[in-house]
Amino acid sequence: MSDLEQFRAETRSWLEANCPPEMREPMREEGDACWGGRNWTFQSDAQKAWLEACVAKGYTVPDWPKAYGGAGLSPAEAKILKQEMTRINARSPLSSFGIWMLGPALLKFGTEEQKVHYLGQIARGEIRWCQGYSEPGSGSDLVSLQTFGEDKGDHWVVNGQKIWTSYADKADWIFCLVRTDKGNKYQGISFLLFDMESPGVSTKPIKLISGNSPFCETFFDNVEVPKDQIVGELNRGWDVAKYLLGHEREMISATGGGDRAGSLGKAYKAVVADDPMLRAQMANFDVDALAFAAMMEKFIDEIKVGKGHPAQPNMLKYAGTELNKQRHELVMAAGGSDALEWDSEASGGGGKPRAWLRTKANSIEGGTSEVMLNVIAKRILDLPGA
């Protein structure tokens, strides 16, 4: 037996012993995902046990170094772990912007003190993060941001506003782009970390057409941020921001699904039996979803070993979000008028229509589909600008 075969056998055995049956069931609602943080309340004993088991093993961040809370797995081992978790339909033990976005940026740009201090807390689910990027008037043109940090010697005083800050009202800390030099558009931005309970920080939820409010407006009124809470160099935060955006787009693209999301045609076989057009559309979607999953795995493998194109995350983000929107359109079509029901217990409080409406933001958040296509055209296809 090879080393990887041995690792697969050991991983399969560990999962069977440590993943509770409840954590192998499909998630029914957002609360079924474990976000962690200092104010998190576990939804069940099984959810708590699953997180604790994975934390002890380093499996919340399996490819991070052991010194920072990970398992130190090689890319091949991490892929096997993912395959084995998918095989038993295991839920992710921890959902975290710290894992998906900030962690990789800290590993690349953070000081050793920052890595030791923050990464372990992220891996253990002890700190929940939100992202302070977009501002009113500074979305796709992010470098026009106006939130300003005034240098006060041993700290900055930050004033300004962010918008579309996902879960800011539930987050413990924020990673935030702040202008620290008004004279340089690109080289005058710094990447700061600060506590959301700092005096002067306030949030206001934004209600969406789905009726939910995952996004917030976030306000900074003379917020004091210590100087050691900068990641990377002063006024070079755009370098950190661009690197992090690549990981954010990978995260958002994963909503496209693939083999993990399951076959629409199989799930709705009985429903569409007498509708050949809808049945064909679902079959086409299933093929596209599987092709996307293969492309995503290939691109992520290339990125991890330093062979990926810098614009590949843009391709993933565009294809994944458009695919996810298509998935929910087909689910609604299969449900007919019943799928529009909004409030009853039978519909899970309108789970399907609310999820369908939520997907409308997928092609806006993390970079609009139009901007993604522009980047693909320029950076991958080498097409001339307008």
Protein backbone atom coordinates (compact mmCIF):
# COMPACT_ATOMS: atom_id res chain seq x y z
CA MET A 1 0.00 0.00 0.00
CA SER A 2 1.37 3.43 -0.99
CA ASP A 3 1.61 6.30 1.48
CA LEU A 4 -1.42 7.99 -0.10
CA GLU A 5 -3.44 4.77 -0.03
CA GLN A 6 -2.53 4.38 3.63
CA PHE A 7 -3.56 7.98 4.28
CA ARG A 8 -6.90 7.42 2.54
CA ALA A 9 -7.60 4.33 4.64
CA GLU A 10 -6.71 6.15 7.85
CA THR A 11 -8.78 9.18 6.86
CA ARG A 12 -11.80 7.03 6.02
CA SER A 13 -11.53 5.27 9.37
CA TRP A 14 -11.18 8.57 11.25
CA LEU A 15 -14.19 10.11 9.53
CA GLU A 16 -16.36 7.10 10.26
CA ALA A 17 -15.40 7.33 13.94
CA ASN A 18 -15.64 11.12 14.35
CA CYS A 19 -18.24 12.57 11.96
CA PRO A 20 -21.66 12.37 13.68
CA PRO A 21 -24.54 11.06 11.54
CA GLU A 22 -26.32 14.42 11.89
CA MET A 23 -23.32 16.12 10.28
CA ARG A 24 -23.76 13.94 7.19
CA GLU A 25 -27.24 15.21 6.45
CA PRO A 26 -27.88 18.02 3.93
CA MET A 27 -28.02 21.47 5.48
CA ARG A 28 -31.59 22.72 5.70
CA GLU A 29 -30.97 26.36 6.55
CA GLU A 30 -28.16 28.86 7.07
CA GLY A 31 -28.02 28.11 10.80
CA ASP A 32 -26.86 24.58 10.01
CA ALA A 33 -23.48 26.03 9.00
CA CYS A 34 -21.07 26.58 11.88
CA TRP A 35 -19.52 30.07 11.69
CA GLY A 36 -17.80 30.12 15.07
CA GLY A 37 -16.71 33.31 16.81
CA ARG A 38 -16.93 34.61 20.34
CA ASN A 39 -20.72 34.93 20.20
CA TRP A 40 -21.47 31.68 18.36
CA THR A 41 -24.10 29.32 19.78
CA PHE A 42 -23.89 25.75 18.54
CA GLN A 43 -27.08 24.46 16.93
CA SER A 44 -26.58 20.95 18.32
CA ASP A 45 -24.20 18.75 20.30
CA ALA A 46 -23.27 17.06 17.02
CA GLN A 47 -22.22 20.35 15.44
CA LYS A 48 -20.01 21.13 18.45
CA ALA A 49 -18.49 17.63 18.52
CA TRP A 50 -17.72 17.70 14.80
CA LEU A 51 -15.94 21.06 15.05
CA GLU A 52 -13.95 20.00 18.10
CA ALA A 53 -12.85 16.75 16.43
CA CYS A 54 -11.69 18.57 13.31
CA VAL A 55 -9.92 21.28 15.30
CA ALA A 56 -7.99 18.64 17.26
CA LYS A 57 -6.97 16.94 14.00
CA GLY A 58 -6.18 20.21 12.17
CA TYR A 59 -8.90 19.47 9.64
CA THR A 60 -10.63 22.87 9.66
CA VAL A 61 -7.58 24.10 7.71
CA PRO A 62 -5.92 20.84 6.64
CA ASP A 63 -3.31 22.37 4.32
CA TRP A 64 -2.15 25.04 6.78
CA PRO A 65 1.07 24.37 8.75
CA LYS A 66 0.61 22.60 12.08
CA ALA A 67 2.17 25.58 13.87
CA TYR A 68 -0.86 27.66 12.86
CA GLY A 69 -3.62 25.18 13.64
CA GLY A 70 -3.59 23.12 10.46
CA ALA A 71 -2.76 19.51 9.72
CA GLY A 72 0.17 20.24 7.43
CA LEU A 73 -1.26 18.06 4.66
CA SER A 74 0.28 17.98 1.23
CA PRO A 75 -1.94 19.03 -1.72
CA ALA A 76 -2.51 15.34 -2.56
CA GLU A 77 -3.47 14.50 1.03
CA ALA A 78 -5.79 17.51 1.27
CA LYS A 79 -7.53 16.37 -1.91
CA ILE A 80 -8.02 12.89 -0.46
CA LEU A 81 -9.52 14.35 2.72
CA LYS A 82 -11.94 16.40 0.63
CA GLN A 83 -12.88 13.35 -1.43
CA GLU A 84 -13.51 11.24 1.65
CA MET A 85 -15.62 13.95 3.30
CA THR A 86 -17.64 14.24 0.09
CA ARG A 87 -18.06 10.46 -0.01
CA ILE A 88 -19.96 10.47 3.31
CA ASN A 89 -21.62 13.87 2.62
CA ALA A 90 -19.86 15.37 5.65
CA ARG A 91 -20.64 19.02 6.29
CA SER A 92 -17.80 21.48 6.50
CA PRO A 93 -16.92 21.73 10.21
CA LEU A 94 -16.42 25.50 10.02
CA SER A 95 -17.53 28.26 7.66
CA SER A 96 -15.18 31.20 7.90
CA PHE A 97 -14.04 34.24 5.91
CA GLY A 98 -10.91 33.87 8.03
CA ILE A 99 -10.24 30.47 6.44
CA TRP A 100 -11.36 31.29 2.91
CA MET A 101 -9.88 34.77 2.54
CA LEU A 102 -7.88 36.33 5.38
CA GLY A 103 -5.91 33.22 6.32
CA PRO A 104 -4.18 32.81 2.94
CA ALA A 105 -3.35 36.55 2.94
CA LEU A 106 -1.83 36.31 6.43
CA LEU A 107 0.20 33.26 5.43
CA LYS A 108 1.68 35.24 2.54
CA PHE A 109 1.93 38.78 3.91
CA GLY A 110 1.60 38.56 7.71
CA THR A 111 4.39 38.83 10.24
CA GLU A 112 5.24 35.76 12.29
CA GLU A 113 3.61 37.42 15.31
CA GLN A 114 0.40 38.00 13.32
CA LYS A 115 0.35 34.42 12.05
CA VAL A 116 0.78 32.96 15.53
CA HIS A 117 -1.78 35.33 17.05
CA TYR A 118 -4.59 35.17 14.47
CA LEU A 119 -4.32 31.93 12.49
CA GLY A 120 -4.78 29.59 15.45
CA GLN A 121 -7.90 31.48 16.53
CA ILE A 122 -9.25 31.26 12.98
CA ALA A 123 -8.53 27.52 12.75
CA ARG A 124 -10.29 26.88 16.08
CA GLY A 125 -13.33 28.94 15.14
CA GLU A 126 -12.73 31.41 17.95
CA ILE A 127 -12.86 34.56 15.81
CA ARG A 128 -15.34 35.48 13.09
CA TRP A 129 -14.28 37.97 10.42
CA CYS A 130 -15.97 40.28 7.95
CA GLN A 131 -14.51 42.07 4.93
CA GLY A 132 -14.33 45.87 4.68
CA TYR A 133 -13.75 46.53 0.99
CA SER A 134 -16.64 48.11 -0.93
CA GLU A 135 -17.86 51.63 -0.20
CA PRO A 136 -20.72 53.74 -1.58
CA GLY A 137 -19.31 54.76 -4.97
CA SER A 138 -16.33 52.40 -4.68
CA GLY A 139 -17.39 48.92 -5.74
CA SER A 140 -15.83 47.74 -8.99
CA ASP A 141 -13.56 50.81 -8.84
CA LEU A 142 -12.34 49.77 -5.42
CA VAL A 143 -9.15 51.87 -5.46
CA SER A 144 -11.31 55.02 -5.29
CA LEU A 145 -12.19 54.17 -1.66
CA GLN A 146 -12.28 57.12 0.74
CA THR A 147 -12.22 55.56 4.24
CA PHE A 148 -9.19 57.29 5.76
CA GLY A 149 -6.75 56.40 8.50
CA GLU A 150 -4.99 59.39 10.05
CA ASP A 151 -1.53 58.67 11.48
CA LYS A 152 -1.43 59.45 15.20
CA GLY A 153 2.00 58.06 15.98
CA ASP A 154 1.30 54.71 17.65
CA HIS A 155 -2.13 54.24 16.04
CA TRP A 156 -4.42 55.33 13.22
CA VAL A 157 -7.74 57.08 13.63
CA VAL A 158 -10.09 55.66 11.00
CA ASN A 159 -13.16 57.45 9.63
CA GLY A 160 -15.42 56.39 6.78
CA GLN A 161 -18.03 53.90 5.62
CA LYS A 162 -18.15 50.45 4.05
CA ILE A 163 -21.12 48.81 2.37
CA TRP A 164 -22.22 45.27 1.47
CA THR A 165 -20.19 44.08 4.47
CA SER A 166 -21.39 40.48 4.76
CA TYR A 167 -22.35 39.52 8.34
CA ALA A 168 -20.71 42.63 9.82
CA ASP A 169 -23.36 42.63 12.53
CA LYS A 170 -22.24 39.15 13.60
CA ALA A 171 -18.47 39.45 13.09
CA ASP A 172 -15.86 39.82 15.82
CA TRP A 173 -13.16 41.48 13.68
CA ILE A 174 -12.85 43.10 10.26
CA PHE A 175 -10.07 43.08 7.66
CA CYS A 176 -10.35 46.48 6.10
CA LEU A 177 -8.92 48.56 3.27
CA VAL A 178 -8.13 52.05 4.52
CA ARG A 179 -6.56 54.96 2.66
CA THR A 180 -3.46 56.10 4.52
CA ASP A 181 -2.07 58.40 1.82
CA LYS A 182 -4.47 60.65 -0.09
CA GLY A 183 -1.83 61.58 -2.64
CA ASN A 184 -1.45 58.15 -4.27
CA LYS A 185 -4.50 56.27 -5.58
CA TYR A 186 -2.94 52.81 -5.80
CA GLN A 187 -0.02 53.02 -3.39
CA GLY A 188 -1.87 54.90 -0.64
CA ILE A 189 -4.06 52.07 0.70
CA SER A 190 -3.25 49.95 3.76
CA PHE A 191 -4.72 46.64 4.93
CA LEU A 192 -5.79 46.91 8.59
CA LEU A 193 -7.29 44.49 11.11
CA PHE A 194 -9.45 45.70 13.98
CA ASP A 195 -12.03 44.60 16.50
CA MET A 196 -15.68 45.28 15.61
CA GLU A 197 -16.28 46.17 19.26
CA SER A 198 -13.82 49.06 19.02
CA PRO A 199 -15.42 52.39 20.02
CA GLY A 200 -16.76 54.15 16.94
CA VAL A 201 -17.66 51.04 14.90
CA SER A 202 -21.36 50.57 14.09
CA THR A 203 -23.36 48.49 11.61
CA LYS A 204 -26.77 48.64 9.95
CA PRO A 205 -28.22 45.57 8.16
CA ILE A 206 -29.35 45.94 4.54
CA LYS A 207 -32.57 44.07 3.78
CA LEU A 208 -32.50 42.21 0.45
CA ILE A 209 -35.33 41.22 -1.88
CA SER A 210 -35.11 37.74 -0.36
CA GLY A 211 -36.24 39.24 2.95
CA ASN A 212 -32.92 38.36 4.59
CA SER A 213 -30.16 40.74 5.66
CA PRO A 214 -26.70 39.16 5.31
CA PHE A 215 -25.21 42.47 4.11
CA CYS A 216 -24.59 45.56 6.23
CA GLU A 217 -23.52 49.15 6.09
CA THR A 218 -20.53 49.64 8.38
CA PHE A 219 -19.51 53.01 9.84
CA PHE A 220 -16.21 54.13 11.38
CA ASP A 221 -16.24 57.21 13.58
CA ASN A 222 -12.78 58.01 15.00
CA VAL A 223 -11.89 54.33 15.39
CA GLU A 224 -8.42 53.85 16.90
CA VAL A 225 -6.39 51.05 15.29
CA PRO A 226 -2.97 50.09 16.73
CA LYS A 227 -0.04 50.26 14.31
CA ASP A 228 0.80 46.54 14.69
CA GLN A 229 -2.56 45.61 13.14
CA ILE A 230 -1.45 46.37 9.59
CA VAL A 231 -0.86 43.43 7.23
CA GLY A 232 1.91 43.94 4.70
CA GLU A 233 3.62 47.25 4.08
CA LEU A 234 2.22 50.71 4.79
CA ASN A 235 0.45 52.07 1.69
CA ARG A 236 0.86 48.72 -0.09
CA GLY A 237 -2.42 47.18 1.04
CA TRP A 238 -3.59 46.89 -2.56
CA ASP A 239 -1.09 44.06 -3.01
CA VAL A 240 -2.71 42.18 -0.11
CA ALA A 241 -6.21 43.08 -1.33
CA LYS A 242 -5.64 41.68 -4.84
CA TYR A 243 -4.23 38.44 -3.48
CA LEU A 244 -7.17 38.05 -1.12
CA LEU A 245 -9.68 38.78 -3.90
CA GLY A 246 -8.41 35.75 -5.79
CA HIS A 247 -9.30 33.54 -2.82
CA GLU A 248 -12.66 35.28 -2.37
CA ARG A 249 -13.56 34.58 -5.99
CA GLU A 250 -12.61 30.93 -5.57
CA MET A 251 -14.92 30.82 -2.54
CA ILE A 252 -17.86 32.42 -4.37
CA SER A 253 -17.31 30.27 -7.46
CA ALA A 254 -17.82 27.15 -5.34
CA THR A 255 -21.55 27.98 -5.23
CA GLY A 256 -21.65 26.68 -8.81
CA GLY A 257 -21.68 23.18 -7.43
CA GLY A 258 -20.70 20.13 -9.45
CA ASP A 259 -20.70 16.56 -8.23
CA ARG A 260 -20.95 17.69 -4.57
CA ALA A 261 -24.14 19.66 -5.22
CA GLY A 262 -25.89 16.63 -6.69
CA SER A 263 -27.69 16.04 -9.96
CA LEU A 264 -30.71 18.23 -10.64
CA GLY A 265 -32.03 15.70 -13.12
CA LYS A 266 -31.90 12.94 -10.51
CA ALA A 267 -33.39 15.09 -7.74
CA TYR A 268 -36.34 16.18 -9.90
CA LYS A 269 -36.73 13.06 -12.04
CA ALA A 270 -40.35 12.45 -11.03
CA VAL A 271 -41.29 16.12 -11.26
CA VAL A 272 -40.06 16.63 -14.83
CA ALA A 273 -40.97 13.21 -16.19
CA ASP A 274 -43.71 14.74 -18.37
CA ASP A 275 -41.76 17.87 -19.33
CA PRO A 276 -39.10 16.96 -21.92
CA MET A 277 -37.89 20.55 -22.32
CA LEU A 278 -37.22 21.05 -18.61
CA ARG A 279 -35.74 17.56 -18.36
CA ALA A 280 -33.31 18.41 -21.17
CA GLN A 281 -32.39 21.71 -19.53
CA MET A 282 -31.58 19.92 -16.28
CA ALA A 283 -29.51 17.32 -18.12
CA ASN A 284 -27.54 20.09 -19.83
CA PHE A 285 -27.05 21.80 -16.48
CA ASP A 286 -25.76 18.61 -14.84
CA VAL A 287 -23.16 18.21 -17.60
CA ASP A 288 -22.08 21.86 -17.23
CA ALA A 289 -21.87 21.52 -13.44
CA LEU A 290 -19.65 18.45 -13.65
CA ALA A 291 -17.43 20.16 -16.23
CA PHE A 292 -17.17 23.19 -13.96
CA ALA A 293 -16.23 21.01 -10.98
CA ALA A 294 -13.42 19.44 -13.03
CA MET A 295 -12.20 22.85 -14.19
CA MET A 296 -12.29 24.20 -10.64
CA GLU A 297 -10.28 21.28 -9.27
CA LYS A 298 -7.69 21.69 -12.03
CA PHE A 299 -7.34 25.44 -11.52
CA ILE A 300 -7.07 25.20 -7.73
CA ASP A 301 -4.42 22.48 -8.03
CA GLU A 302 -2.45 24.71 -10.40
CA ILE A 303 -2.78 27.73 -8.11
CA LYS A 304 -1.57 25.76 -5.08
CA VAL A 305 1.65 24.74 -6.81
CA GLY A 306 2.28 28.19 -8.27
CA LYS A 307 1.39 27.34 -11.88
CA GLY A 308 -1.99 29.04 -12.11
CA HIS A 309 -2.73 32.12 -14.21
CA PRO A 310 -3.49 35.17 -12.01
CA ALA A 311 -6.81 35.64 -13.80
CA GLN A 312 -8.03 32.05 -13.31
CA PRO A 313 -10.04 33.00 -10.17
CA ASN A 314 -11.94 35.46 -12.36
CA MET A 315 -12.90 32.62 -14.69
CA LEU A 316 -14.01 30.50 -11.75
CA LYS A 317 -15.98 33.32 -10.21
CA TYR A 318 -17.82 34.15 -13.45
CA ALA A 319 -18.61 30.55 -14.40
CA GLY A 320 -19.52 29.46 -10.88
CA THR A 321 -21.89 32.30 -10.08
CA GLU A 322 -23.67 32.17 -13.42
CA LEU A 323 -24.05 28.41 -12.98
CA ASN A 324 -25.47 28.83 -9.49
CA LYS A 325 -28.05 31.32 -10.76
CA GLN A 326 -29.03 28.83 -13.47
CA ARG A 327 -29.39 26.03 -10.89
CA HIS A 328 -31.87 28.02 -8.83
CA GLU A 329 -33.81 29.13 -11.92
CA LEU A 330 -34.32 25.46 -12.81
CA VAL A 331 -35.31 24.55 -9.25
CA MET A 332 -37.96 27.28 -9.35
CA ALA A 333 -39.17 26.13 -12.77
CA ALA A 334 -39.53 22.57 -11.48
CA GLY A 335 -41.50 23.76 -8.47
CA GLY A 336 -44.04 25.74 -10.47
CA SER A 337 -46.29 28.12 -8.57
CA ASP A 338 -45.74 26.16 -5.34
CA ALA A 339 -42.08 27.20 -5.40
CA LEU A 340 -43.11 30.83 -4.93
CA GLU A 341 -44.68 30.12 -1.51
CA TRP A 342 -43.01 32.44 0.97
CA ASP A 343 -43.86 31.77 4.61
CA SER A 344 -45.27 28.34 5.45
CA GLU A 345 -43.61 25.64 7.52
CA ALA A 346 -44.02 23.22 4.61
CA SER A 347 -41.77 25.40 2.42
CA GLY A 348 -39.23 25.97 5.17
CA GLY A 349 -40.17 29.61 5.39
CA GLY A 350 -39.88 30.04 1.63
CA GLY A 351 -36.42 28.52 1.46
CA LYS A 352 -36.41 27.97 -2.31
CA PRO A 353 -37.63 31.39 -3.45
CA ARG A 354 -35.44 33.19 -0.92
CA ALA A 355 -32.39 31.23 -2.08
CA TRP A 356 -33.31 31.95 -5.71
CA LEU A 357 -33.55 35.68 -5.03
CA ARG A 358 -30.30 35.60 -3.06
CA THR A 359 -28.43 34.26 -6.11
CA LYS A 360 -29.13 37.53 -7.93
CA ALA A 361 -26.32 39.05 -5.85
CA ASN A 362 -23.83 36.31 -6.81
CA SER A 363 -22.93 38.03 -10.06
CA ILE A 364 -22.38 41.36 -8.26
CA GLU A 365 -20.54 40.50 -5.04
CA GLY A 366 -16.82 39.83 -5.23
CA GLY A 367 -16.63 41.53 -8.63
CA THR A 368 -19.46 41.85 -11.14
CA SER A 369 -19.76 39.38 -14.01
CA GLU A 370 -19.10 42.25 -16.43
CA VAL A 371 -15.83 43.12 -14.69
CA MET A 372 -14.84 39.44 -14.60
CA LEU A 373 -15.41 39.18 -18.37
CA ASN A 374 -13.30 42.29 -18.94
CA VAL A 375 -10.43 40.80 -16.92
CA ILE A 376 -10.70 37.48 -18.77
CA ALA A 377 -10.70 39.28 -22.12
CA LYS A 378 -7.60 41.34 -21.27
CA ARG A 379 -5.53 38.96 -19.14
CA ILE A 380 -6.27 35.55 -20.66
CA LEU A 381 -7.48 36.19 -24.22
CA ASP A 382 -5.12 39.19 -24.71
CA LEU A 383 -7.87 41.15 -26.42
CA PRO A 384 -7.24 44.88 -26.92
CA GLY A 385 -9.02 47.39 -24.69
CA ALA A 386 -11.83 49.55 -25.98
